[in-house]
């Protein structure tokens, strides 16, 4: 499983630009397969999304979030863009 290693706020701009230039948009389910359920639960908790059977907005239904695959510093990664911030999982 891939782990959250950085965000565009913490990383060097050059590294994020190279990652974004090489990106492919992926589906929510593909993103979750790459990061695993534990990371999903952490994201839900961090951003206040409803979990499993809870009522409310779920990450998969947030039209303002997108999911991508690419390379970060030469390593395969997936990332999500939430509020114009890239969250990078390697």
Protein backbone atom coordinates (compact mmCIF):
# COMPACT_ATOMS: atom_id res chain seq x y z
CA UNK A 1 0.00 0.00 0.00
CA UNK A 2 1.10 3.53 -0.65
CA UNK A 3 1.50 6.01 2.22
CA UNK A 4 0.99 9.75 2.36
CA UNK A 5 4.47 11.27 2.09
CA UNK A 6 3.92 14.93 1.28
CA UNK A 7 1.65 17.67 0.00
CA UNK A 8 2.36 20.40 -2.50
CA UNK A 9 2.59 22.81 0.42
CA UNK A 10 5.56 20.93 1.92
CA UNK A 11 7.31 19.66 -1.23
CA UNK A 12 9.58 21.42 -3.70
CA UNK A 13 7.60 23.08 -6.48
CA UNK A 14 9.79 21.41 -9.14
CA UNK A 15 8.93 17.93 -7.84
CA UNK A 16 5.18 18.67 -7.81
CA UNK A 17 5.29 20.27 -11.28
CA UNK A 18 7.04 17.21 -12.74
CA UNK A 19 4.50 14.92 -11.07
CA UNK A 20 1.52 16.92 -12.36
CA UNK A 21 2.97 17.18 -15.89
CA UNK A 22 3.11 13.35 -16.07
CA UNK A 23 -0.28 12.62 -14.46
CA UNK A 24 -3.19 10.45 -15.51
CA UNK A 25 -6.61 10.88 -13.94
CA UNK A 26 -7.82 7.71 -12.19
CA UNK A 27 -11.09 6.59 -10.65
CA UNK A 28 -11.83 6.76 -6.92
CA UNK A 29 -11.82 2.94 -6.64
CA UNK A 30 -8.37 2.71 -8.23
CA UNK A 31 -7.07 5.34 -5.81
CA UNK A 32 -8.46 3.42 -2.81
CA UNK A 33 -6.92 0.14 -4.03
CA UNK A 34 -3.55 1.90 -4.09
CA UNK A 35 -3.75 3.56 -0.66
CA UNK A 36 -5.81 1.00 1.29
CA UNK A 37 -8.72 1.26 3.70
CA UNK A 38 -6.66 2.53 6.64
CA UNK A 39 -5.45 5.54 4.66
CA UNK A 40 -9.02 6.12 3.43
CA UNK A 41 -10.29 6.21 7.02
CA UNK A 42 -7.54 8.71 7.90
CA UNK A 43 -8.55 10.94 4.97
CA UNK A 44 -12.21 10.74 5.93
CA UNK A 45 -11.39 11.73 9.48
CA UNK A 46 -8.98 14.51 8.48
CA UNK A 47 -11.40 16.15 6.05
CA UNK A 48 -14.62 15.39 7.91
CA UNK A 49 -16.16 13.09 5.31
CA UNK A 50 -18.87 10.64 6.30
CA UNK A 51 -17.55 7.11 6.75
CA UNK A 52 -19.13 3.89 5.52
CA UNK A 53 -22.83 3.95 6.49
CA UNK A 54 -22.78 7.44 8.02
CA UNK A 55 -24.95 10.08 6.40
CA UNK A 56 -23.25 13.04 4.78
CA UNK A 57 -20.76 13.84 2.04
CA UNK A 58 -18.35 11.04 1.21
CA UNK A 59 -14.93 11.52 -0.39
CA UNK A 60 -16.01 9.56 -3.49
CA UNK A 61 -18.94 11.93 -4.02
CA UNK A 62 -17.06 15.23 -3.62
CA UNK A 63 -17.09 16.77 -7.10
CA UNK A 64 -14.22 19.11 -6.14
CA UNK A 65 -11.77 16.24 -5.47
CA UNK A 66 -9.85 14.45 -8.23
CA UNK A 67 -7.57 11.40 -8.21
CA UNK A 68 -4.42 10.85 -10.29
CA UNK A 69 -1.48 8.53 -10.88
CA UNK A 70 2.01 9.70 -11.79
CA UNK A 71 5.62 9.58 -10.55
CA UNK A 72 7.00 11.55 -7.62
CA UNK A 73 10.79 11.84 -7.60
CA UNK A 74 10.90 8.89 -10.01
CA UNK A 75 8.67 6.62 -7.88
CA UNK A 76 5.16 5.56 -8.90
CA UNK A 77 2.54 7.46 -6.94
CA UNK A 78 -1.10 8.30 -6.69
CA UNK A 79 -2.38 11.61 -5.46
CA UNK A 80 -5.60 13.40 -4.82
CA UNK A 81 -6.28 17.07 -5.32
CA UNK A 82 -8.44 18.54 -2.56
CA UNK A 83 -8.91 22.32 -2.27
CA UNK A 84 -6.15 22.78 -4.88
CA UNK A 85 -3.63 20.91 -2.69
CA UNK A 86 -1.98 17.73 -3.97
CA UNK A 87 -1.73 14.93 -1.37
CA UNK A 88 0.97 12.51 -2.59
CA UNK A 89 1.03 8.78 -1.75
CA UNK A 90 4.10 6.67 -2.62
